[in-house]
PDB file of N, CA and C in Angstrom:
ATOM      1  N   MET A   1      66.643 127.145  92.193  1.00  0.00           N
ATOM      2  CA  MET A   1      65.771 126.257  93.264  1.00  0.00           C
ATOM      3  C   MET A   1      65.678 126.780  94.393  1.00  0.00           C
ATOM      4  N   LEU A   2      64.672 126.681  94.766  1.00  0.00           N
ATOM      5  CA  LEU A   2      63.981 127.654  96.503  1.00  0.00           C
ATOM      6  C   LEU A   2      64.195 125.963  97.497  1.00  0.00           C
ATOM      7  N   LEU A   3      64.666 125.921  98.395  1.00  0.00           N
ATOM      8  CA  LEU A   3      64.726 124.805  99.036  1.00  0.00           C
ATOM      9  C   LEU A   3      63.949 125.168 100.415  1.00  0.00           C
ATOM     10  N   ILE A   4      62.859 124.493 100.455  1.00  0.00           N
ATOM     11  CA  ILE A   4      61.563 125.018 101.608  1.00  0.00           C
ATOM     12  C   ILE A   4      61.868 123.736 102.592  1.00  0.00           C
ATOM     13  N   ASP A   5      61.681 124.463 104.240  1.00  0.00           N
ATOM     14  CA  ASP A   5      61.733 123.858 104.861  1.00  0.00           C
ATOM     15  C   ASP A   5      60.628 122.926 105.364  1.00  0.00           C
ATOM     16  N   SER A   6      60.629 121.879 106.235  1.00  0.00           N
ATOM     17  CA  SER A   6      59.740 121.346 106.657  1.00  0.00           C
ATOM     18  C   SER A   6      58.279 122.038 106.834  1.00  0.00           C
ATOM     19  N   SER A   7      58.743 122.812 108.283  1.00  0.00           N
ATOM     20  CA  SER A   7      57.703 123.760 108.369  1.00  0.00           C
ATOM     21  C   SER A   7      56.775 124.581 107.543  1.00  0.00           C
ATOM     22  N   VAL A   8      57.239 124.663 106.629  1.00  0.00           N
ATOM     23  CA  VAL A   8      56.458 125.397 105.702  1.00  0.00           C
ATOM     24  C   VAL A   8      55.670 124.393 104.946  1.00  0.00           C
ATOM     25  N   TRP A   9      56.435 123.699 104.331  1.00  0.00           N
ATOM     26  CA  TRP A   9      55.494 122.175 103.629  1.00  0.00           C
ATOM     27  C   TRP A   9      54.698 121.748 104.572  1.00  0.00           C
ATOM     28  N   ILE A  10      54.566 121.740 105.942  1.00  0.00           N
ATOM     29  CA  ILE A  10      53.435 121.297 106.560  1.00  0.00           C
ATOM     30  C   ILE A  10      52.449 122.655 106.889  1.00  0.00           C
ATOM     31  N   ASP A  11      52.745 123.845 107.186  1.00  0.00           N
ATOM     32  CA  ASP A  11      51.775 124.938 106.889  1.00  0.00           C
ATOM     33  C   ASP A  11      50.993 124.770 105.333  1.00  0.00           C
ATOM     34  N   TRP A  12      51.551 124.548 104.367  1.00  0.00           N
ATOM     35  CA  TRP A  12      51.136 124.768 102.877  1.00  0.00           C
ATOM     36  C   TRP A  12      50.341 123.441 102.997  1.00  0.00           C
ATOM     37  N   LEU A  13      50.414 122.617 103.233  1.00  0.00           N
ATOM     38  CA  LEU A  13      49.852 121.309 103.187  1.00  0.00           C
ATOM     39  C   LEU A  13      48.751 121.445 103.956  1.00  0.00           C
ATOM     40  N   ARG A  14      48.863 122.159 105.072  1.00  0.00           N
ATOM     41  CA  ARG A  14      47.251 121.947 106.074  1.00  0.00           C
ATOM     42  C   ARG A  14      46.734 123.243 105.423  1.00  0.00           C
ATOM     43  N   GLY A  15      47.126 123.997 104.558  1.00  0.00           N
ATOM     44  CA  GLY A  15      46.161 125.024 104.143  1.00  0.00           C
ATOM     45  C   GLY A  15      46.710 126.260 104.929  1.00  0.00           C
ATOM     46  N   SER A  16      47.337 126.623 105.906  1.00  0.00           N
ATOM     47  CA  SER A  16      47.743 127.473 106.573  1.00  0.00           C
ATOM     48  C   SER A  16      48.052 128.655 105.417  1.00  0.00           C
ATOM     49  N   ASP A  17      47.598 129.792 106.261  1.00  0.00           N
ATOM     50  CA  ASP A  17      47.823 130.949 105.456  1.00  0.00           C
ATOM     51  C   ASP A  17      48.826 131.885 106.100  1.00  0.00           C
ATOM     52  N   THR A  18      50.224 131.459 105.961  1.00  0.00           N
ATOM     53  CA  THR A  18      51.409 132.509 106.759  1.00  0.00           C
ATOM     54  C   THR A  18      51.982 132.995 105.417  1.00  0.00           C
ATOM     55  N   ASP A  19      53.063 133.827 105.971  1.00  0.00           N
ATOM     56  CA  ASP A  19      53.863 134.512 105.463  1.00  0.00           C
ATOM     57  C   ASP A  19      54.648 133.768 104.610  1.00  0.00           C
ATOM     58  N   ALA A  20      55.454 132.821 105.030  1.00  0.00           N
ATOM     59  CA  ALA A  20      56.206 131.885 104.323  1.00  0.00           C
ATOM     60  C   ALA A  20      55.464 131.119 103.538  1.00  0.00           C
ATOM     61  N   VAL A  21      54.232 130.677 103.454  1.00  0.00           N
ATOM     62  CA  VAL A  21      53.307 129.976 102.830  1.00  0.00           C
ATOM     63  C   VAL A  21      53.260 130.755 101.260  1.00  0.00           C
ATOM     64  N   ARG A  22      52.559 132.079 101.677  1.00  0.00           N
ATOM     65  CA  ARG A  22      52.425 132.725 100.824  1.00  0.00           C
ATOM     66  C   ARG A  22      53.859 133.544  99.870  1.00  0.00           C
ATOM     67  N   PHE A  23      54.962 133.682 100.331  1.00  0.00           N
ATOM     68  CA  PHE A  23      56.108 133.638  99.715  1.00  0.00           C
ATOM     69  C   PHE A  23      56.591 132.765  99.256  1.00  0.00           C
ATOM     70  N   VAL A  24      56.309 131.120  99.276  1.00  0.00           N
ATOM     71  CA  VAL A  24      56.393 130.341  98.459  1.00  0.00           C
ATOM     72  C   VAL A  24      55.695 129.936  96.951  1.00  0.00           C
ATOM     73  N   GLN A  25      54.474 130.109  97.536  1.00  0.00           N
ATOM     74  CA  GLN A  25      53.374 130.348  96.364  1.00  0.00           C
ATOM     75  C   GLN A  25      53.679 131.239  95.345  1.00  0.00           C
ATOM     76  N   ALA A  26      54.476 132.474  95.463  1.00  0.00           N
ATOM     77  CA  ALA A  26      54.532 133.417  94.899  1.00  0.00           C
ATOM     78  C   ALA A  26      55.838 133.064  94.054  1.00  0.00           C
ATOM     79  N   ARG A  27      56.718 132.564  94.625  1.00  0.00           N
ATOM     80  CA  ARG A  27      58.073 132.011  93.803  1.00  0.00           C
ATOM     81  C   ARG A  27      57.757 130.662  93.302  1.00  0.00           C
ATOM     82  N   GLU A  28      56.915 130.249  93.197  1.00  0.00           N
ATOM     83  CA  GLU A  28      56.532 128.832  92.660  1.00  0.00           C
ATOM     84  C   GLU A  28      56.546 128.611  91.281  1.00  0.00           C
ATOM     85  N   ALA A  29      56.062 129.963  90.877  1.00  0.00           N
ATOM     86  CA  ALA A  29      55.893 129.793  89.216  1.00  0.00           C
ATOM     87  C   ALA A  29      57.218 130.393  88.500  1.00  0.00           C
ATOM     88  N   GLN A  30      58.548 130.871  89.499  1.00  0.00           N
ATOM     89  CA  GLN A  30      59.571 131.131  89.112  1.00  0.00           C
ATOM     90  C   GLN A  30      60.607 130.514  89.329  1.00  0.00           C
ATOM     91  N   GLU A  31      60.586 129.452  90.283  1.00  0.00           N
ATOM     92  CA  GLU A  31      61.748 128.678  90.663  1.00  0.00           C
ATOM     93  C   GLU A  31      61.223 127.430  91.070  1.00  0.00           C
ATOM     94  N   GLU A  32      62.058 126.018  90.645  1.00  0.00           N
ATOM     95  CA  GLU A  32      61.276 124.776  91.385  1.00  0.00           C
ATOM     96  C   GLU A  32      61.845 125.106  92.647  1.00  0.00           C
ATOM     97  N   LEU A  33      60.726 124.044  93.414  1.00  0.00           N
ATOM     98  CA  LEU A  33      60.696 124.047  95.006  1.00  0.00           C
ATOM     99  C   LEU A  33      61.596 122.504  95.146  1.00  0.00           C
ATOM    100  N   ALA A  34      62.237 122.976  95.969  1.00  0.00           N
ATOM    101  CA  ALA A  34      62.996 121.796  96.604  1.00  0.00           C
ATOM    102  C   ALA A  34      62.851 121.142  98.061  1.00  0.00           C
ATOM    103  N   LEU A  35      63.403 119.912  97.861  1.00  0.00           N
ATOM    104  CA  LEU A  35      63.398 119.502  99.602  1.00  0.00           C
ATOM    105  C   LEU A  35      64.398 118.485  99.804  1.00  0.00           C
ATOM    106  N   THR A  36      64.946 118.002 100.849  1.00  0.00           N
ATOM    107  CA  THR A  36      65.940 117.256 100.940  1.00  0.00           C
ATOM    108  C   THR A  36      65.026 115.865 101.407  1.00  0.00           C
ATOM    109  N   GLN A  37      65.739 114.681 101.694  1.00  0.00           N
ATOM    110  CA  GLN A  37      65.077 113.543 102.180  1.00  0.00           C
ATOM    111  C   GLN A  37      64.849 113.587 103.272  1.00  0.00           C
ATOM    112  N   MET A  38      65.632 114.338 104.259  1.00  0.00           N
ATOM    113  CA  MET A  38      65.158 114.756 105.734  1.00  0.00           C
ATOM    114  C   MET A  38      64.113 115.693 105.849  1.00  0.00           C
ATOM    115  N   ILE A  39      63.872 116.307 105.032  1.00  0.00           N
ATOM    116  CA  ILE A  39      62.567 116.943 105.205  1.00  0.00           C
ATOM    117  C   ILE A  39      61.615 116.143 104.861  1.00  0.00           C
ATOM    118  N   TYR A  40      61.481 115.736 103.564  1.00  0.00           N
ATOM    119  CA  TYR A  40      60.655 114.755 103.300  1.00  0.00           C
ATOM    120  C   TYR A  40      60.057 113.642 104.478  1.00  0.00           C
ATOM    121  N   LEU A  41      61.080 113.169 105.166  1.00  0.00           N
ATOM    122  CA  LEU A  41      60.738 112.146 106.410  1.00  0.00           C
ATOM    123  C   LEU A  41      60.177 113.269 107.563  1.00  0.00           C
ATOM    124  N   GLU A  42      60.583 114.222 107.836  1.00  0.00           N
ATOM    125  CA  GLU A  42      59.776 115.205 108.702  1.00  0.00           C
ATOM    126  C   GLU A  42      58.678 115.580 108.508  1.00  0.00           C
ATOM    127  N   VAL A  43      57.975 115.875 107.488  1.00  0.00           N
ATOM    128  CA  VAL A  43      56.844 115.999 106.917  1.00  0.00           C
ATOM    129  C   VAL A  43      56.034 114.696 107.305  1.00  0.00           C
ATOM    130  N   LEU A  44      56.586 113.707 106.571  1.00  0.00           N
ATOM    131  CA  LEU A  44      55.990 112.353 106.484  1.00  0.00           C
ATOM    132  C   LEU A  44      55.765 111.967 108.275  1.00  0.00           C
ATOM    133  N   GLN A  45      56.569 112.469 108.853  1.00  0.00           N
ATOM    134  CA  GLN A  45      56.312 112.022 110.330  1.00  0.00           C
ATOM    135  C   GLN A  45      55.078 112.660 110.961  1.00  0.00           C
ATOM    136  N   GLY A  46      54.352 113.679 110.202  1.00  0.00           N
ATOM    137  CA  GLY A  46      53.306 114.206 110.636  1.00  0.00           C
ATOM    138  C   GLY A  46      51.972 113.417 110.353  1.00  0.00           C
ATOM    139  N   VAL A  47      52.112 112.787 109.126  1.00  0.00           N
ATOM    140  CA  VAL A  47      50.966 112.430 108.362  1.00  0.00           C
ATOM    141  C   VAL A  47      50.651 111.252 109.621  1.00  0.00           C
ATOM    142  N   SER A  48      49.171 111.330 109.702  1.00  0.00           N
ATOM    143  CA  SER A  48      48.562 110.004 110.609  1.00  0.00           C
ATOM    144  C   SER A  48      47.765 109.156 109.989  1.00  0.00           C
ATOM    145  N   SER A  49      47.333 109.047 108.493  1.00  0.00           N
ATOM    146  CA  SER A  49      46.473 108.368 108.027  1.00  0.00           C
ATOM    147  C   SER A  49      46.875 108.221 106.778  1.00  0.00           C
ATOM    148  N   GLU A  50      46.325 107.256 106.244  1.00  0.00           N
ATOM    149  CA  GLU A  50      46.688 106.511 104.686  1.00  0.00           C
ATOM    150  C   GLU A  50      46.123 107.757 103.789  1.00  0.00           C
ATOM    151  N   ARG A  51      44.671 108.293 104.184  1.00  0.00           N
ATOM    152  CA  ARG A  51      44.323 109.328 103.225  1.00  0.00           C
ATOM    153  C   ARG A  51      45.119 110.651 103.520  1.00  0.00           C
ATOM    154  N   GLN A  52      45.579 111.118 104.537  1.00  0.00           N
ATOM    155  CA  GLN A  52      46.437 111.864 104.450  1.00  0.00           C
ATOM    156  C   GLN A  52      47.866 111.948 103.638  1.00  0.00           C
ATOM    157  N   PHE A  53      48.255 110.369 104.038  1.00  0.00           N
ATOM    158  CA  PHE A  53      49.610 110.154 102.906  1.00  0.00           C
ATOM    159  C   PHE A  53      49.139 110.414 101.664  1.00  0.00           C
ATOM    160  N   ALA A  54      47.970 110.067 101.104  1.00  0.00           N
ATOM    161  CA  ALA A  54      47.747 109.817  99.701  1.00  0.00           C
ATOM    162  C   ALA A  54      47.637 111.533  99.324  1.00  0.00           C
ATOM    163  N   ALA A  55      47.078 112.082 100.134  1.00  0.00           N
ATOM    164  CA  ALA A  55      46.671 113.811 100.058  1.00  0.00           C
ATOM    165  C   ALA A  55      47.920 114.432  99.617  1.00  0.00           C
ATOM    166  N   THR A  56      49.141 114.142 100.398  1.00  0.00           N
ATOM    167  CA  THR A  56      50.305 114.523 100.629  1.00  0.00           C
ATOM    168  C   THR A  56      51.058 113.921  99.034  1.00  0.00           C
ATOM    169  N   GLN A  57      51.140 113.274  98.656  1.00  0.00           N
ATOM    170  CA  GLN A  57      51.600 112.452  97.446  1.00  0.00           C
ATOM    171  C   GLN A  57      50.502 113.344  96.439  1.00  0.00           C
ATOM    172  N   ARG A  58      49.504 113.231  96.236  1.00  0.00           N
ATOM    173  CA  ARG A  58      48.771 114.386  95.264  1.00  0.00           C
ATOM    174  C   ARG A  58      49.298 115.683  95.319  1.00  0.00           C
ATOM    175  N   SER A  59      49.373 116.270  96.228  1.00  0.00           N
ATOM    176  CA  SER A  59      50.231 117.667  96.303  1.00  0.00           C
ATOM    177  C   SER A  59      51.211 118.019  95.664  1.00  0.00           C
ATOM    178  N   TRP A  60      52.265 116.920  96.312  1.00  0.00           N
ATOM    179  CA  TRP A  60      53.737 116.691  95.777  1.00  0.00           C
ATOM    180  C   TRP A  60      53.986 116.243  94.434  1.00  0.00           C
ATOM    181  N   ALA A  61      53.100 115.465  93.754  1.00  0.00           N
ATOM    182  CA  ALA A  61      53.286 114.716  92.657  1.00  0.00           C
ATOM    183  C   ALA A  61      53.413 115.718  91.487  1.00  0.00           C
ATOM    184  N   PRO A  62      53.001 117.123  91.134  1.00  0.00           N
ATOM    185  CA  PRO A  62      52.990 117.499  90.222  1.00  0.00           C
ATOM    186  C   PRO A  62      54.157 118.760  90.059  1.00  0.00           C
ATOM    187  N   LYS A  63      54.427 118.730  91.658  1.00  0.00           N
ATOM    188  CA  LYS A  63      55.669 119.675  91.279  1.00  0.00           C
ATOM    189  C   LYS A  63      57.270 118.694  90.820  1.00  0.00           C
ATOM    190  N   PRO A  64      58.196 119.832  89.923  1.00  0.00           N
ATOM    191  CA  PRO A  64      58.966 119.125  89.613  1.00  0.00           C
ATOM    192  C   PRO A  64      60.138 118.511  90.290  1.00  0.00           C
ATOM    193  N   PHE A  65      60.251 118.996  91.773  1.00  0.00           N
ATOM    194  CA  PHE A  65      61.327 118.320  92.723  1.00  0.00           C
ATOM    195  C   PHE A  65      61.105 116.722  92.795  1.00  0.00           C
ATOM    196  N   TRP A  66      59.562 116.273  92.509  1.00  0.00           N
ATOM    197  CA  TRP A  66      58.886 115.203  92.975  1.00  0.00           C
ATOM    198  C   TRP A  66      59.531 114.036  91.561  1.00  0.00           C
ATOM    199  N   ARG A  67      59.276 114.540  90.667  1.00  0.00           N
ATOM    200  CA  ARG A  67      59.367 113.772  89.389  1.00  0.00           C
ATOM    201  C   ARG A  67      60.924 113.651  89.314  1.00  0.00           C
ATOM    202  N   HIS A  68      62.185 114.704  89.785  1.00  0.00           N
ATOM    203  CA  HIS A  68      63.305 114.370  89.901  1.00  0.00           C
ATOM    204  C   HIS A  68      63.905 113.828  91.096  1.00  0.00           C
ATOM    205  N   TRP A  69      63.212 113.807  92.433  1.00  0.00           N
ATOM    206  CA  TRP A  69      63.736 113.080  93.450  1.00  0.00           C
ATOM    207  C   TRP A  69      63.292 111.777  93.410  1.00  0.00           C
ATOM    208  N   THR A  70      62.474 111.029  92.800  1.00  0.00           N
ATOM    209  CA  THR A  70      61.788 109.760  92.352  1.00  0.00           C
ATOM    210  C   THR A  70      62.438 109.325  91.655  1.00  0.00           C
ATOM    211  N   ASN A  71      63.155 109.246  90.612  1.00  0.00           N
ATOM    212  CA  ASN A  71      63.798 108.951  89.164  1.00  0.00           C
ATOM    213  C   ASN A  71      65.320 108.533  90.015  1.00  0.00           C
TER     214      ASN A  71
END
């Protein structure tokens, strides 16, 4: 399991091409991606509209941690 910092999630959701985002994308096939409740809240603090919130949920929905975390 790979714990991803909020700054990396934010870059990923914005479509930024950073070293950290590329690293996580490369590891995604081999490891579950994880976040804590605090990281989740930090990412959501940057969401400024219902549209962004829905897009964030869609991005995270297929991730294994999302199913585990919400159950």
